[in-house]
Structure formats: structure tokens, C-alpha cells
Amino acid sequence: MIIFRYLTREILLTMSAVAGVLLLVIMGSRFIRYFANAAEGEIPANILGSLMLYHMPGFLELILPLAFFLGILLAYGQLYLNSEITVLVACGTSPNRLLTVSLVPAALVALLVGIFSLWLTPAGALHNELVLEEQRSKLDFSALAPGRFQEFGSGRIAYASDVSEDGERMQEVFISERQKRNDGSPESVVTRATQGYQSVDPDTGSRYLVLEDGERYSAEAGRADAERLEFGTYAVRLARAVEAVETDSAEFATTTTLLNDPSPEARAQLQWRLGAPLMVFVLTLLAQPLSRVNPRQGRFAKLLPAIFLYVAYLSLLLAAMDAIGSGSLPAVIGMWPIHAGFLILGLGLAFNAQRKGMSG
């Protein structure tokens, strides 16, 4: 039990450190992308935290198997480097015993990955898609910040002194845009209004910005003529009706729904979700023999080949998922030969390690 607790602690601590670094990198990259969208007025900044939170299960689903794989490599590599494996061999510990110890934390990680892949990841992806779809259905100025000039919709520049909390109304509205006259010549149009709100045409679904109590100026540099229009109510079409993004695809479907769906896309998604926890056990078989290094080589000697092996494994699974979804690969075959191939490779490496001895 002392050896078991020691090895398990080393693996999980190393895995946690690697997972933390990878999670920060991936979440930072996604946050920068969302932040750029918010800066351009495409999404409001107040939903960034929610989007990142619901993306986290999908990130962890991919990060945890890699982090656990690297955790075994680095933890056991350090044991070889410090000759602690030699002491374990002298005490009667065999590679099979070490593998048994490794499979216990692997089962815990596989359980977490299974929860993410089978439940939390599709639920989080659906939530984010619904939130983004809701934002797309709202008025374009819902993402505008009061007191700032921002671009929104078809190159328009808008300014509002104040925007309501629900993003439905603006006060002291200024809009500048470029249009064409009837003869095709360009002109600059500036519109000012006391307030504005959204209106949706029930017949066409097109969205309009309805402005109240303002003026509209049409002019072009170098031309002597200009137009000025005073209005009590003026409607500006923001966007034509667009079809809503499909949220019933296999990516957002629950696992129970996928089990009853015979379509190729559902079969591909289901095999990916079921294969994610299985991948943890396969990587455990691969990691233990690959962690065996000579003290003179250093603990990172086999790290690069191991990462290449993981990338090949993951790339083949993703390629198989695309092939199943497109119908070019039968779902009966699916991803299982890939898992079986790497499982056989791991068993072969483990058998070779057993034959040579842990410190041989």
C-alpha cells in the first residue's frame, strides 16, 4: 500500500500539473478569440465567462487522457532516473505489478473522461450554441458599449449614450453608413435620433432598428446638394431573416439519443464518446513501457516519441470519425480497429518490458 500510494500520488500530481498548463493554453486561445469577437461587437462581453465555463468539459475531455499519459511518462521516468525502480525490483516488484498500480488511477481518469464525453461535453456545447444563437437573434446593438463608436452590421458605425441592460433600447443614437444614390453614386448618410429599439417583421422575420424623433442627413464630399429629413419614426433594416443554426445535430445530441439514431453522423459521434474513456486505458499500457529510460538519458528521452505516438492515435480516431460520418467507412468497423491496434501495441511493449525486466 505504501508503494501504491506513492506511485499514485506521483502520477496524479504530475498529471494535474500538465493538465493545468494545457487547460490554460487552450482556454487562453479560445478566450482571445471570443474577446476579439466581443471587441468587434459580435457578442456581448458579459457572456464570455459563461461560454468559457461550458466549454471546459470539452477541453478536459481531450486534455485529461494526454495529461495522464504524460503524467505516467514523467513520473516513472523520474523513478528510473533516481534508480528507485532498481530498489522496487530488489523488493520483488514486477512490471505487471507496476501496471496494476497504474490502472487504478487510470480507472479514475477514465471515469471522469466518460462523464465529460457522454454527458457534460454535449450539454455544454448545446448550451453555448443556444446562447450564441440567442445573441444572433437579438438586435445588433445588443453588444454595443455605451459612449463608444462601434461598427455593427454592414459597415455601419453606431454610437449610443446609453443602452438598456437587456440591450433592447438605446438613447441618443448616432448612426453613420455608406449608401448609393439612385444613379449609383455613393453618399454618406448620418442619422441621429433620441432613442431606438428593435422591431421584427412577423411576416418576413427581418429585423429593423426603429428610431424615434430625429434627423437624417445625406451628403457627399464635393457635391453641392444635400438632403435633410426630419422624422418622428424611422426604421432601418439591420438584417434579413436567416435560418437558425441546427442544434439537433449529433454533436449536441444526448448519448441516449445517439443510441437510438442509426444515422452515420450519430454512429460516429457515439463511437467517439465511448472510445474516449477506453483511450485512457490504452494510453496507460503504452506509457508504462515507454517511461523506461536509462539514467544517463534523462527523463525526457522518450517523451517526444511518445507524444508522436499519441498524436498518431488521436489523428487516426478523428479521421475515422469523419469517415464514419460521411459514410465512407462502415459504422460496424468504425474506430474499434484503431483502439485494438494500439492496444496490441501496448500489450507488446508491456510483454517486452516484462521479458527484459524493469531495470534491465
Protein backbone atom coordinates (compact mmCIF):
# COMPACT_ATOMS: atom_id res chain seq x y z
CA MET A 1 0.00 0.00 0.00
CA ILE A 2 2.88 2.38 0.64
CA ILE A 3 4.22 1.81 -2.87
CA PHE A 4 0.71 2.10 -4.33
CA ARG A 5 0.03 5.43 -2.59
CA TYR A 6 3.46 6.77 -3.53
CA LEU A 7 3.18 5.88 -7.23
CA THR A 8 -0.44 7.02 -7.49
CA ARG A 9 0.39 10.35 -5.87
CA GLU A 10 3.31 10.92 -8.25
CA ILE A 11 1.18 10.11 -11.30
CA LEU A 12 -1.78 12.25 -10.28
CA LEU A 13 0.33 15.22 -9.20
CA THR A 14 2.23 15.20 -12.47
CA MET A 15 -0.99 14.75 -14.43
CA SER A 16 -2.60 17.68 -12.60
CA ALA A 17 0.34 19.97 -13.39
CA VAL A 18 0.33 19.01 -17.08
CA ALA A 19 -3.48 19.29 -17.32
CA GLY A 20 -3.38 22.73 -15.68
CA VAL A 21 -0.83 24.05 -18.16
CA LEU A 22 -2.65 22.60 -21.18
CA LEU A 23 -6.00 23.91 -19.95
CA LEU A 24 -4.62 27.42 -19.51
CA VAL A 25 -3.15 27.38 -23.01
CA ILE A 26 -6.30 26.09 -24.71
CA MET A 27 -8.70 28.25 -22.72
CA GLY A 28 -6.49 31.28 -23.27
CA SER A 29 -6.57 30.73 -27.02
CA ARG A 30 -10.35 30.35 -27.07
CA PHE A 31 -10.84 33.34 -24.75
CA ILE A 32 -8.75 35.54 -27.04
CA ARG A 33 -10.95 34.51 -29.97
CA TYR A 34 -14.15 35.30 -28.07
CA PHE A 35 -12.67 38.53 -26.73
CA ALA A 36 -11.89 39.64 -30.30
CA ASN A 37 -15.49 38.87 -31.29
CA ALA A 38 -16.74 40.89 -28.33
CA ALA A 39 -14.47 43.80 -29.25
CA GLU A 40 -15.91 43.78 -32.77
CA GLY A 41 -19.43 43.87 -31.36
CA GLU A 42 -20.38 40.36 -32.50
CA ILE A 43 -21.15 39.09 -28.99
CA PRO A 44 -21.65 40.92 -25.69
CA ALA A 45 -18.75 40.79 -23.26
CA ASN A 46 -20.94 39.74 -20.33
CA ILE A 47 -21.42 36.20 -21.72
CA LEU A 48 -17.71 35.40 -22.14
CA GLY A 49 -17.43 33.78 -18.71
CA SER A 50 -20.44 31.56 -19.34
CA LEU A 51 -19.13 30.48 -22.75
CA MET A 52 -15.73 29.55 -21.32
CA LEU A 53 -17.28 27.66 -18.39
CA TYR A 54 -19.43 25.49 -20.64
CA HIS A 55 -16.51 24.87 -22.99
CA MET A 56 -14.42 23.44 -20.16
CA PRO A 57 -15.84 19.86 -20.25
CA GLY A 58 -14.93 19.59 -23.93
CA PHE A 59 -11.42 20.84 -23.21
CA LEU A 60 -10.94 18.41 -20.31
CA GLU A 61 -12.25 15.51 -22.37
CA LEU A 62 -9.26 15.94 -24.69
CA ILE A 63 -6.73 17.14 -22.12
CA LEU A 64 -7.09 14.51 -19.40
CA PRO A 65 -6.04 11.46 -21.50
CA LEU A 66 -2.95 13.32 -22.75
CA ALA A 67 -2.16 14.68 -19.28
CA PHE A 68 -2.45 11.22 -17.72
CA PHE A 69 -0.27 9.74 -20.48
CA LEU A 70 2.40 12.38 -19.87
CA GLY A 71 1.97 12.03 -16.11
CA ILE A 72 2.94 8.35 -16.24
CA LEU A 73 5.85 9.07 -18.58
CA LEU A 74 7.27 11.84 -16.41
CA ALA A 75 6.57 10.25 -13.02
CA TYR A 76 8.01 6.84 -13.89
CA GLY A 77 10.80 8.46 -15.86
CA GLN A 78 11.85 10.25 -12.68
CA LEU A 79 11.78 6.93 -10.81
CA TYR A 80 14.10 5.39 -13.38
CA LEU A 81 16.34 8.45 -13.26
CA ASN A 82 16.65 8.22 -9.47
CA SER A 83 17.18 4.43 -9.63
CA GLU A 84 14.08 3.94 -7.50
CA ILE A 85 12.89 1.30 -9.95
CA THR A 86 16.02 -0.69 -9.12
CA VAL A 87 15.01 -0.64 -5.49
CA LEU A 88 11.48 -1.76 -6.38
CA VAL A 89 12.91 -4.65 -8.41
CA ALA A 90 15.09 -5.65 -5.47
CA CYS A 91 11.95 -5.67 -3.32
CA GLY A 92 10.20 -8.03 -5.75
CA THR A 93 8.10 -5.58 -7.75
CA SER A 94 7.49 -6.67 -11.35
CA PRO A 95 6.29 -4.73 -14.43
CA ASN A 96 2.89 -6.41 -14.10
CA ARG A 97 2.63 -5.12 -10.55
CA LEU A 98 3.55 -1.63 -11.69
CA LEU A 99 0.95 -1.85 -14.46
CA THR A 100 -1.70 -2.91 -11.93
CA VAL A 101 -0.86 0.11 -9.80
CA SER A 102 -1.12 2.37 -12.86
CA LEU A 103 -4.54 1.03 -13.86
CA VAL A 104 -6.16 2.19 -10.61
CA PRO A 105 -5.71 5.95 -11.23
CA ALA A 106 -6.35 5.21 -14.92
CA ALA A 107 -9.82 3.94 -13.97
CA LEU A 108 -10.48 7.18 -12.07
CA VAL A 109 -9.37 9.31 -15.02
CA ALA A 110 -11.37 7.16 -17.45
CA LEU A 111 -14.46 7.67 -15.29
CA LEU A 112 -14.01 11.45 -15.41
CA VAL A 113 -13.41 11.40 -19.17
CA GLY A 114 -16.52 9.23 -19.61
CA ILE A 115 -18.64 11.72 -17.64
CA PHE A 116 -17.33 14.55 -19.81
CA SER A 117 -17.68 12.78 -23.17
CA LEU A 118 -21.04 11.09 -22.54
CA TRP A 119 -22.83 13.89 -20.70
CA LEU A 120 -21.16 17.22 -19.90
CA THR A 121 -19.45 17.97 -23.23
CA PRO A 122 -22.57 17.68 -25.44
CA ALA A 123 -24.64 19.52 -22.82
CA GLY A 124 -22.10 22.35 -22.67
CA ALA A 125 -21.79 22.56 -26.46
CA LEU A 126 -25.58 22.76 -26.82
CA HIS A 127 -25.80 25.47 -24.15
CA ASN A 128 -23.16 27.61 -25.88
CA GLU A 129 -24.78 27.17 -29.29
CA LEU A 130 -28.16 28.23 -27.88
CA VAL A 131 -26.59 31.28 -26.21
CA LEU A 132 -24.83 32.33 -29.42
CA GLU A 133 -27.99 31.71 -31.44
CA GLU A 134 -29.93 33.89 -29.00
CA GLN A 135 -27.37 36.65 -29.45
CA ARG A 136 -27.60 36.34 -33.22
CA SER A 137 -31.38 36.69 -32.99
CA LYS A 138 -31.08 39.85 -30.92
CA LEU A 139 -30.57 43.33 -32.19
CA ASP A 140 -27.06 44.01 -33.44
CA PHE A 141 -26.55 46.85 -30.94
CA SER A 142 -27.07 44.42 -28.02
CA ALA A 143 -23.29 44.10 -27.97
CA LEU A 144 -22.59 47.85 -28.13
CA ALA A 145 -20.92 49.61 -25.22
CA PRO A 146 -22.46 52.96 -24.23
CA GLY A 147 -20.41 56.01 -25.08
CA ARG A 148 -18.29 54.35 -27.77
CA PHE A 149 -18.30 54.39 -31.56
CA GLN A 150 -18.53 50.81 -32.80
CA GLU A 151 -19.15 49.04 -36.08
CA PHE A 152 -22.23 46.84 -36.30
CA GLY A 153 -23.91 45.23 -39.27
CA SER A 154 -22.96 46.01 -42.91
CA GLY A 155 -20.26 48.53 -42.07
CA ARG A 156 -22.45 50.86 -40.03
CA ILE A 157 -20.83 52.95 -37.31
CA ALA A 158 -23.08 53.46 -34.30
CA TYR A 159 -22.94 55.45 -31.10
CA ALA A 160 -25.37 55.48 -28.17
CA SER A 161 -25.08 57.46 -24.98
CA ASP A 162 -26.87 54.72 -23.05
CA VAL A 163 -28.05 51.16 -23.69
CA SER A 164 -30.60 49.38 -21.50
CA GLU A 165 -29.47 46.35 -19.51
CA ASP A 166 -31.44 43.97 -21.72
CA GLY A 167 -29.92 45.56 -24.83
CA GLU A 168 -33.34 46.36 -26.27
CA ARG A 169 -33.25 50.17 -26.22
CA MET A 170 -30.69 52.88 -26.95
CA GLN A 171 -30.71 56.53 -26.02
CA GLU A 172 -29.24 59.41 -28.09
CA VAL A 173 -28.47 57.30 -31.14
CA PHE A 174 -25.98 58.23 -33.87
CA ILE A 175 -25.52 56.05 -36.98
CA SER A 176 -23.18 56.66 -39.92
CA GLU A 177 -23.26 54.49 -43.05
CA ARG A 178 -22.37 54.46 -46.73
CA GLN A 179 -25.13 54.05 -49.32
CA LYS A 180 -25.70 54.53 -53.04
CA ARG A 181 -27.97 57.01 -54.72
CA ASN A 182 -30.47 56.04 -57.39
CA ASP A 183 -27.89 56.89 -60.07
CA GLY A 184 -25.32 54.60 -58.42
CA SER A 185 -23.14 57.33 -56.93
CA PRO A 186 -22.03 56.83 -53.30
CA GLU A 187 -23.17 59.02 -50.46
CA SER A 188 -22.66 59.29 -46.72
CA VAL A 189 -25.76 59.06 -44.55
CA VAL A 190 -25.83 60.21 -40.95
CA THR A 191 -28.84 59.55 -38.74
CA ARG A 192 -29.48 60.96 -35.28
CA ALA A 193 -32.37 60.04 -33.05
CA THR A 194 -33.46 60.50 -29.46
CA GLN A 195 -33.92 56.76 -28.96
CA GLY A 196 -34.10 53.46 -30.83
CA TYR A 197 -35.44 49.97 -30.33
CA GLN A 198 -35.73 46.67 -32.17
CA SER A 199 -38.68 45.54 -34.27
CA VAL A 200 -39.10 42.23 -36.10
CA ASP A 201 -41.37 41.88 -39.12
CA PRO A 202 -43.69 38.96 -38.28
CA ASP A 203 -44.16 38.09 -41.97
CA THR A 204 -40.57 38.14 -43.24
CA GLY A 205 -38.62 37.78 -39.99
CA SER A 206 -36.37 40.71 -40.96
CA ARG A 207 -35.08 42.85 -38.10
CA TYR A 208 -35.37 46.63 -38.03
CA LEU A 209 -33.93 49.36 -35.87
CA VAL A 210 -36.78 51.78 -35.23
CA LEU A 211 -35.56 55.30 -34.48
CA GLU A 212 -37.73 57.99 -32.94
CA ASP A 213 -37.62 61.80 -33.02
CA GLY A 214 -34.53 62.53 -35.11
CA GLU A 215 -32.95 63.75 -38.35
CA ARG A 216 -31.32 62.03 -41.30
CA TYR A 217 -28.64 63.74 -43.41
CA SER A 218 -27.45 62.57 -46.85
CA ALA A 219 -24.39 64.25 -48.35
CA GLU A 220 -21.19 63.54 -50.23
CA ALA A 221 -17.92 65.49 -50.24
CA GLY A 222 -17.54 67.61 -53.37
CA ARG A 223 -21.28 67.73 -54.13
CA ALA A 224 -23.30 70.90 -53.63
CA ASP A 225 -26.62 69.17 -52.97
CA ALA A 226 -27.51 67.51 -49.68
CA GLU A 227 -30.66 66.16 -48.06
CA ARG A 228 -32.07 66.63 -44.59
CA LEU A 229 -35.03 64.65 -43.32
CA GLU A 230 -36.79 65.08 -40.01
CA PHE A 231 -38.80 62.15 -38.75
CA GLY A 232 -40.92 61.04 -35.86
CA THR A 233 -40.30 57.34 -36.57
CA TYR A 234 -37.78 55.87 -38.98
CA ALA A 235 -36.98 52.15 -39.49
CA VAL A 236 -33.56 50.89 -40.63
CA ARG A 237 -33.36 47.26 -41.71
CA LEU A 238 -30.49 45.57 -39.88
CA ALA A 239 -30.57 42.08 -41.37
CA ARG A 240 -32.72 39.80 -43.44
CA ALA A 241 -34.22 36.73 -41.85
CA VAL A 242 -31.72 33.89 -41.63
CA GLU A 243 -32.24 30.28 -40.85
CA ALA A 244 -31.40 29.26 -37.32
CA VAL A 245 -28.34 27.13 -36.76
CA GLU A 246 -29.22 23.47 -36.43
CA THR A 247 -28.97 22.45 -32.78
CA ASP A 248 -30.23 18.90 -33.29
CA SER A 249 -27.02 17.62 -34.88
CA ALA A 250 -25.14 14.65 -33.45
CA GLU A 251 -22.61 16.93 -31.75
CA PHE A 252 -25.30 18.37 -29.46
CA ALA A 253 -27.41 15.23 -29.04
CA THR A 254 -27.51 13.33 -25.78
CA THR A 255 -25.89 9.90 -25.64
CA THR A 256 -29.31 8.28 -25.19
CA THR A 257 -30.49 9.91 -28.40
CA LEU A 258 -27.40 8.72 -30.26
CA LEU A 259 -28.05 5.12 -29.16
CA ASN A 260 -31.42 5.21 -30.94
CA ASP A 261 -30.18 7.07 -34.03
CA PRO A 262 -28.90 4.85 -36.90
CA SER A 263 -27.51 7.73 -38.99
CA PRO A 264 -23.76 7.73 -39.83
CA GLU A 265 -23.22 11.03 -38.00
CA ALA A 266 -24.78 9.64 -34.83
CA ARG A 267 -22.78 6.41 -35.06
CA ALA A 268 -19.54 8.38 -35.48
CA GLN A 269 -20.28 10.65 -32.53
CA LEU A 270 -21.34 7.73 -30.33
CA GLN A 271 -18.16 5.76 -31.05
CA TRP A 272 -16.05 8.82 -30.27
CA ARG A 273 -17.77 9.31 -26.91
CA LEU A 274 -17.49 5.63 -25.98
CA GLY A 275 -13.88 5.47 -27.14
CA ALA A 276 -12.70 8.45 -25.06
CA PRO A 277 -12.52 6.57 -21.71
CA LEU A 278 -11.17 3.47 -23.48
CA MET A 279 -8.35 5.62 -24.80
CA VAL A 280 -7.15 6.25 -21.24
CA PHE A 281 -6.53 2.52 -20.60
CA VAL A 282 -4.80 2.06 -23.96
CA LEU A 283 -2.52 5.02 -23.25
CA THR A 284 -1.71 3.54 -19.83
CA LEU A 285 -0.47 0.35 -21.49
CA LEU A 286 1.64 2.41 -23.87
CA ALA A 287 3.01 4.80 -21.25
CA GLN A 288 4.44 2.34 -18.76
CA PRO A 289 6.99 0.63 -21.08
CA LEU A 290 7.75 3.93 -22.83
CA SER A 291 8.63 5.54 -19.48
CA ARG A 292 11.54 3.13 -19.03
CA VAL A 293 14.72 5.17 -19.62
CA ASN A 294 18.38 4.82 -18.88
CA PRO A 295 19.52 7.18 -16.07
CA ARG A 296 22.12 8.60 -18.45
CA GLN A 297 19.42 9.51 -21.00
CA GLY A 298 17.28 11.68 -18.71
CA ARG A 299 13.55 11.52 -18.01
CA PHE A 300 12.64 13.25 -21.30
CA ALA A 301 14.44 10.78 -23.57
CA LYS A 302 11.27 9.07 -24.81
CA LEU A 303 8.88 11.97 -24.32
CA LEU A 304 8.96 13.16 -27.94
CA PRO A 305 8.38 9.69 -29.48
CA ALA A 306 5.57 9.11 -27.00
CA ILE A 307 3.88 12.40 -27.98
CA PHE A 308 4.16 11.47 -31.66
CA LEU A 309 2.52 8.14 -30.84
CA TYR A 310 -0.34 9.94 -29.04
CA VAL A 311 -0.81 12.39 -31.92
CA ALA A 312 -0.98 9.48 -34.37
CA TYR A 313 -3.55 7.74 -32.17
CA LEU A 314 -5.76 10.81 -31.86
CA SER A 315 -5.42 11.76 -35.54
CA LEU A 316 -6.49 8.30 -36.66
CA LEU A 317 -9.54 8.45 -34.38
CA LEU A 318 -10.56 11.86 -35.73
CA ALA A 319 -10.05 10.71 -39.32
CA ALA A 320 -12.14 7.60 -38.65
CA MET A 321 -14.91 9.72 -37.09
CA ASP A 322 -15.05 11.91 -40.21
CA ALA A 323 -15.05 8.83 -42.45
CA ILE A 324 -17.90 7.23 -40.50
CA GLY A 325 -19.91 10.45 -40.54
CA SER A 326 -19.51 10.81 -44.30
CA GLY A 327 -20.43 7.17 -44.88
CA SER A 328 -17.11 6.18 -46.45
CA LEU A 329 -16.28 3.88 -43.50
CA PRO A 330 -18.90 1.39 -42.26
CA ALA A 331 -20.02 2.07 -38.70
CA VAL A 332 -19.72 -1.65 -37.95
CA ILE A 333 -15.96 -1.36 -38.39
CA GLY A 334 -15.71 2.18 -37.05
CA MET A 335 -12.93 3.23 -34.71
CA TRP A 336 -12.55 -0.12 -32.97
CA PRO A 337 -9.68 -1.41 -35.16
CA ILE A 338 -7.66 1.69 -34.21
CA HIS A 339 -8.21 1.11 -30.49
CA ALA A 340 -7.42 -2.59 -30.97
CA GLY A 341 -4.22 -1.82 -32.90
CA PHE A 342 -2.82 0.48 -30.24
CA LEU A 343 -3.98 -1.91 -27.52
CA ILE A 344 -1.99 -4.71 -29.18
CA LEU A 345 0.99 -2.36 -29.46
CA GLY A 346 0.74 -1.54 -25.76
CA LEU A 347 0.49 -5.21 -24.81
CA GLY A 348 3.51 -5.97 -26.99
CA LEU A 349 5.57 -3.23 -25.33
CA ALA A 350 4.46 -4.42 -21.88
CA PHE A 351 5.41 -8.02 -22.72
CA ASN A 352 8.80 -6.88 -23.97
CA ALA A 353 9.34 -4.91 -20.74
CA GLN A 354 8.38 -7.97 -18.71
CA ARG A 355 10.83 -10.13 -20.66
CA LYS A 356 13.72 -7.68 -20.25
CA GLY A 357 12.94 -6.76 -16.65
CA MET A 358 12.06 -3.33 -15.27
CA SER A 359 15.60 -2.19 -14.78
CA GLY A 360 17.25 -4.20 -17.48
